[in-house]
Amino acid sequence: MDHPIIRKMERDGFLEPDEPVFYDDFGTPIHEGDEYYEFDDHRFLRDGLSGDAIGVLVRIGAIKKVCARDTDQ
């Protein structure tokens, strides 16, 4: 007989869903490892942007970043 946690991992592939680190300006969750663009205090998930939108953000000075959790907590 398998332990319930082992059955859940085999069935779902994970124990609990990842909690987003934060949300972008459109309300899209951004998880650890996701790429996003930041301009002033605005953040935009890369996967939700068209090539044209990325071009505009880069042209106005947005910086491409990778989401990471704060390890100082």
Protein backbone atom coordinates (compact mmCIF):
# COMPACT_ATOMS: atom_id res chain seq x y z
CA MET A 1 0.00 0.00 0.00
CA ASP A 2 1.40 3.41 -1.04
CA HIS A 3 1.54 6.38 1.25
CA PRO A 4 -1.06 9.08 0.32
CA ILE A 5 1.69 11.66 -0.33
CA ILE A 6 3.43 9.29 -2.76
CA ARG A 7 0.13 8.64 -4.57
CA LYS A 8 -0.49 12.39 -4.86
CA MET A 9 3.00 13.00 -6.27
CA GLU A 10 2.59 10.18 -8.79
CA ARG A 11 -0.84 11.46 -9.80
CA ASP A 12 -0.15 15.23 -9.89
CA GLY A 13 3.64 15.41 -10.30
CA PHE A 14 3.97 17.79 -7.33
CA LEU A 15 2.79 18.17 -3.75
CA GLU A 16 1.39 21.68 -3.80
CA PRO A 17 1.05 24.20 -6.59
CA ASP A 18 3.71 26.91 -6.70
CA GLU A 19 2.62 30.13 -5.10
CA PRO A 20 3.35 33.16 -7.29
CA VAL A 21 6.14 35.43 -6.09
CA PHE A 22 4.14 38.46 -7.29
CA TYR A 23 1.68 39.55 -9.97
CA ASP A 24 2.39 41.69 -13.02
CA ASP A 25 0.47 44.85 -13.94
CA PHE A 26 -2.15 42.78 -15.78
CA GLY A 27 -2.76 40.52 -12.76
CA THR A 28 -0.84 37.57 -14.22
CA PRO A 29 0.99 35.50 -11.58
CA ILE A 30 4.77 35.48 -11.89
CA HIS A 31 6.51 32.41 -10.46
CA GLU A 32 10.13 31.75 -9.61
CA GLY A 33 12.16 31.37 -12.82
CA ASP A 34 9.71 33.32 -15.03
CA GLU A 35 11.12 36.06 -17.25
CA TYR A 36 9.52 39.49 -17.01
CA TYR A 37 10.20 43.07 -18.03
CA GLU A 38 10.38 45.87 -15.48
CA PHE A 39 9.94 49.56 -16.22
CA ASP A 40 9.82 51.99 -13.29
CA ASP A 41 7.55 50.15 -10.84
CA HIS A 42 5.70 48.21 -13.55
CA ARG A 43 6.26 44.51 -14.26
CA PHE A 44 5.11 42.51 -17.30
CA LEU A 45 5.37 38.73 -17.71
CA ARG A 46 7.32 37.99 -20.90
CA ASP A 47 5.09 35.06 -21.91
CA GLY A 48 2.06 37.35 -22.03
CA LEU A 49 3.62 39.92 -24.36
CA SER A 50 3.76 40.07 -28.14
CA GLY A 51 7.04 40.70 -29.93
CA ASP A 52 5.92 44.26 -30.67
CA ALA A 53 5.12 44.92 -27.01
CA ILE A 54 8.53 43.60 -25.96
CA GLY A 55 10.17 45.84 -28.57
CA VAL A 56 8.37 48.90 -27.23
CA LEU A 57 9.26 48.06 -23.62
CA VAL A 58 12.94 47.58 -24.49
CA ARG A 59 12.99 50.82 -26.49
CA ILE A 60 11.63 52.84 -23.57
CA GLY A 61 14.19 51.32 -21.21
CA ALA A 62 12.52 48.30 -19.61
CA ILE A 63 14.91 45.74 -18.16
CA LYS A 64 14.47 41.99 -18.67
CA LYS A 65 14.69 40.06 -15.39
CA VAL A 66 14.20 36.54 -14.05
CA CYS A 67 11.97 36.13 -11.02
CA ALA A 68 13.65 34.79 -7.87
CA ARG A 69 12.44 34.45 -4.31
CA ASP A 70 14.04 36.58 -1.62
CA THR A 71 16.28 34.18 0.30
CA ASP A 72 16.89 36.62 3.19
CA GLN A 73 13.53 35.89 4.81
